[in-house]
Amino acid sequence: MRLPISIGAILVASLSLNAPVMSVPPTHGAKAEITNSNLTQLTINRQLWNQKKIKNYRYKLSNNCFCLPDFRGPLIIEVRDGITKSITNAQTGKPVDSKLLGQYSTIPKLFNLIRNTINSGESELTVVYNPRLGYPTQINIGNLAADAGIFTTISNFEVLHHGSYIKR
């Protein structure tokens, strides 16, 4: 009688070793910790940016998403006295509708985009910042694999000085 019980125990144990591993979503505590980390990084880097008092600059912006080609870019965005002067397609040099890219058109607006994403708590968010000037160099919102994400890259940042520029 003990033999069938032993065989049953061995069978159950062997089945449990071969059970598939299932991913578990993060707990609310882990999500809150990520949110706090994102807020801390945002605050530190926004302060660094503000301390530099950069008002005239140019950068290249590319969005990887399932969206309109004009939104994807690559785009050259030029800002003078803190206001967007121009948004042009980097490949054609043609102007792009600034209304389409309003929240991407200055570095402070990019910071606001990050803050709004954090506050909504609805999307995955990963941000990389420039360590010297504090501006974001990469903003990943959502999940691109699920057609619900935007991966933004900011590159070729230049501080502009009276017609000349210094590449940073």
Protein backbone atom coordinates (compact mmCIF):
# COMPACT_ATOMS: atom_id res chain seq x y z
CA MET A 1 0.00 0.00 0.00
CA ARG A 2 2.91 2.35 0.61
CA LEU A 3 4.26 1.75 -2.89
CA PRO A 4 1.35 3.53 -4.71
CA ILE A 5 1.62 6.48 -2.29
CA SER A 6 5.38 6.75 -2.96
CA ILE A 7 4.86 6.56 -6.73
CA GLY A 8 2.15 9.24 -6.49
CA ALA A 9 4.42 11.54 -4.46
CA ILE A 10 7.28 11.11 -6.93
CA LEU A 11 4.93 11.78 -9.85
CA VAL A 12 3.57 15.00 -8.27
CA ALA A 13 7.08 16.19 -7.42
CA SER A 14 8.37 15.56 -10.95
CA LEU A 15 5.39 17.38 -12.50
CA SER A 16 5.94 20.40 -10.31
CA LEU A 17 9.58 20.63 -11.42
CA ASN A 18 8.46 20.82 -15.06
CA ALA A 19 5.73 23.41 -14.48
CA PRO A 20 6.09 26.51 -16.63
CA VAL A 21 7.39 29.65 -14.99
CA MET A 22 4.92 32.51 -15.19
CA SER A 23 5.87 36.14 -14.90
CA VAL A 24 4.20 38.09 -12.15
CA PRO A 25 3.43 41.78 -12.55
CA PRO A 26 5.17 44.07 -10.09
CA THR A 27 3.40 44.78 -6.87
CA HIS A 28 2.03 48.21 -6.10
CA GLY A 29 5.03 48.79 -3.82
CA ALA A 30 7.49 48.13 -6.64
CA LYS A 31 5.55 50.42 -8.99
CA ALA A 32 5.57 53.21 -6.40
CA GLU A 33 9.32 52.76 -5.96
CA ILE A 34 9.88 53.08 -9.73
CA THR A 35 7.65 56.17 -9.82
CA ASN A 36 9.59 57.78 -6.97
CA SER A 37 12.89 56.98 -8.70
CA ASN A 38 11.65 58.53 -11.96
CA LEU A 39 10.46 61.65 -10.10
CA THR A 40 13.79 61.97 -8.30
CA GLN A 41 15.75 61.65 -11.55
CA LEU A 42 13.46 64.17 -13.24
CA THR A 43 13.84 66.69 -10.40
CA ILE A 44 17.64 66.40 -10.30
CA ASN A 45 18.06 66.70 -14.06
CA ARG A 46 15.54 69.52 -14.48
CA GLN A 47 17.42 71.48 -11.78
CA LEU A 48 20.72 70.81 -13.57
CA TRP A 49 19.20 72.04 -16.86
CA ASN A 50 17.76 75.16 -15.21
CA GLN A 51 21.13 75.97 -13.56
CA LYS A 52 22.79 76.02 -16.98
CA LYS A 53 20.34 78.74 -18.17
CA ILE A 54 20.51 77.54 -21.77
CA LYS A 55 17.94 79.45 -23.85
CA ASN A 56 19.36 79.06 -27.38
CA TYR A 57 19.93 75.55 -28.65
CA ARG A 58 19.29 73.02 -31.38
CA TYR A 59 18.77 69.28 -31.23
CA LYS A 60 17.82 66.32 -33.38
CA LEU A 61 14.72 64.42 -32.31
CA SER A 62 13.61 61.00 -33.54
CA ASN A 63 10.49 59.12 -32.46
CA ASN A 64 10.29 55.39 -32.97
CA CYS A 65 6.57 54.63 -33.01
CA PHE A 66 3.66 53.49 -35.14
CA CYS A 67 2.69 57.06 -36.04
CA LEU A 68 2.78 59.68 -38.80
CA PRO A 69 6.10 59.99 -40.68
CA ASP A 70 6.36 63.73 -39.82
CA PHE A 71 6.14 62.80 -36.13
CA ARG A 72 8.83 60.12 -36.40
CA GLY A 73 11.46 62.36 -37.92
CA PRO A 74 14.37 62.68 -37.62
CA LEU A 75 13.68 66.36 -36.93
CA ILE A 76 15.88 69.35 -36.22
CA ILE A 77 14.38 71.57 -33.52
CA GLU A 78 15.84 75.03 -32.98
CA VAL A 79 14.99 77.09 -29.90
CA ARG A 80 15.83 80.79 -29.41
CA ASP A 81 15.19 82.63 -26.14
CA GLY A 82 13.36 79.53 -24.89
CA ILE A 83 10.83 79.58 -27.75
CA THR A 84 10.72 77.12 -30.64
CA LYS A 85 12.01 78.92 -33.73
CA SER A 86 11.77 76.05 -36.21
CA ILE A 87 11.10 72.35 -36.62
CA THR A 88 12.40 70.87 -39.85
CA ASN A 89 12.72 67.40 -41.29
CA ALA A 90 16.42 66.49 -40.95
CA GLN A 91 16.44 64.64 -44.28
CA THR A 92 14.50 67.07 -46.48
CA GLY A 93 14.99 70.38 -44.66
CA LYS A 94 11.27 71.05 -45.06
CA PRO A 95 9.32 72.61 -42.16
CA VAL A 96 7.15 70.34 -40.03
CA ASP A 97 3.90 71.43 -38.37
CA SER A 98 4.93 72.58 -34.88
CA LYS A 99 1.44 71.78 -33.50
CA LEU A 100 2.08 68.11 -34.22
CA LEU A 101 5.22 68.17 -32.06
CA GLY A 102 4.28 70.74 -29.41
CA GLN A 103 5.25 68.67 -26.37
CA TYR A 104 8.61 67.77 -27.97
CA SER A 105 9.55 71.27 -29.16
CA THR A 106 11.72 72.47 -26.23
CA ILE A 107 13.69 70.79 -23.46
CA PRO A 108 11.32 72.15 -20.73
CA LYS A 109 8.38 70.66 -22.67
CA LEU A 110 10.18 67.31 -22.74
CA PHE A 111 10.55 67.54 -18.95
CA ASN A 112 6.78 68.24 -18.75
CA LEU A 113 6.08 65.20 -20.94
CA ILE A 114 8.12 63.05 -18.56
CA ARG A 115 6.38 64.52 -15.49
CA ASN A 116 2.92 64.00 -17.00
CA THR A 117 3.76 60.39 -17.85
CA ILE A 118 4.97 59.76 -14.29
CA ASN A 119 1.88 61.43 -12.80
CA SER A 120 -0.52 59.45 -14.98
CA GLY A 121 1.00 56.17 -13.79
CA GLU A 122 -0.46 54.50 -16.87
CA SER A 123 2.64 53.83 -18.96
CA GLU A 124 5.99 52.19 -18.62
CA LEU A 125 8.68 54.87 -18.57
CA THR A 126 12.43 54.80 -19.01
CA VAL A 127 14.46 58.01 -19.30
CA VAL A 128 18.18 58.60 -19.87
CA TYR A 129 19.59 62.07 -19.15
CA ASN A 130 22.71 63.89 -20.31
CA PRO A 131 24.98 63.88 -17.21
CA ARG A 132 26.50 67.34 -17.87
CA LEU A 133 23.47 69.39 -18.92
CA GLY A 134 20.53 67.36 -17.56
CA TYR A 135 18.37 67.24 -20.69
CA PRO A 136 16.78 63.87 -21.62
CA THR A 137 18.60 61.93 -24.34
CA GLN A 138 16.14 59.06 -24.47
CA ILE A 139 12.50 58.83 -23.39
CA ASN A 140 10.74 55.49 -23.72
CA ILE A 141 7.02 55.61 -22.96
CA GLY A 142 4.81 52.54 -23.15
CA ASN A 143 5.42 49.32 -25.01
CA LEU A 144 6.42 49.59 -28.67
CA ALA A 145 5.93 45.85 -29.19
CA ALA A 146 2.24 46.28 -28.36
CA ASP A 147 1.90 49.22 -30.80
CA ALA A 148 1.41 51.42 -27.75
CA GLY A 149 4.76 53.07 -27.26
CA ILE A 150 6.93 55.97 -28.28
CA PHE A 151 10.70 55.75 -28.02
CA THR A 152 12.17 59.25 -28.36
CA THR A 153 15.85 59.99 -28.94
CA ILE A 154 17.37 63.44 -28.51
CA SER A 155 20.81 63.76 -30.10
CA ASN A 156 23.25 66.26 -31.64
CA PHE A 157 22.43 68.83 -28.96
CA GLU A 158 24.08 72.19 -29.65
CA VAL A 159 24.15 75.35 -27.56
CA LEU A 160 23.76 78.30 -29.95
CA HIS A 161 25.67 81.57 -29.43
CA HIS A 162 24.95 84.56 -31.69
CA GLY A 163 24.95 82.66 -34.93
CA SER A 164 27.61 80.16 -33.94
CA TYR A 165 27.24 77.03 -31.88
CA ILE A 166 29.13 74.73 -29.58
CA LYS A 167 28.32 71.04 -30.00
CA ARG A 168 27.62 69.32 -26.65
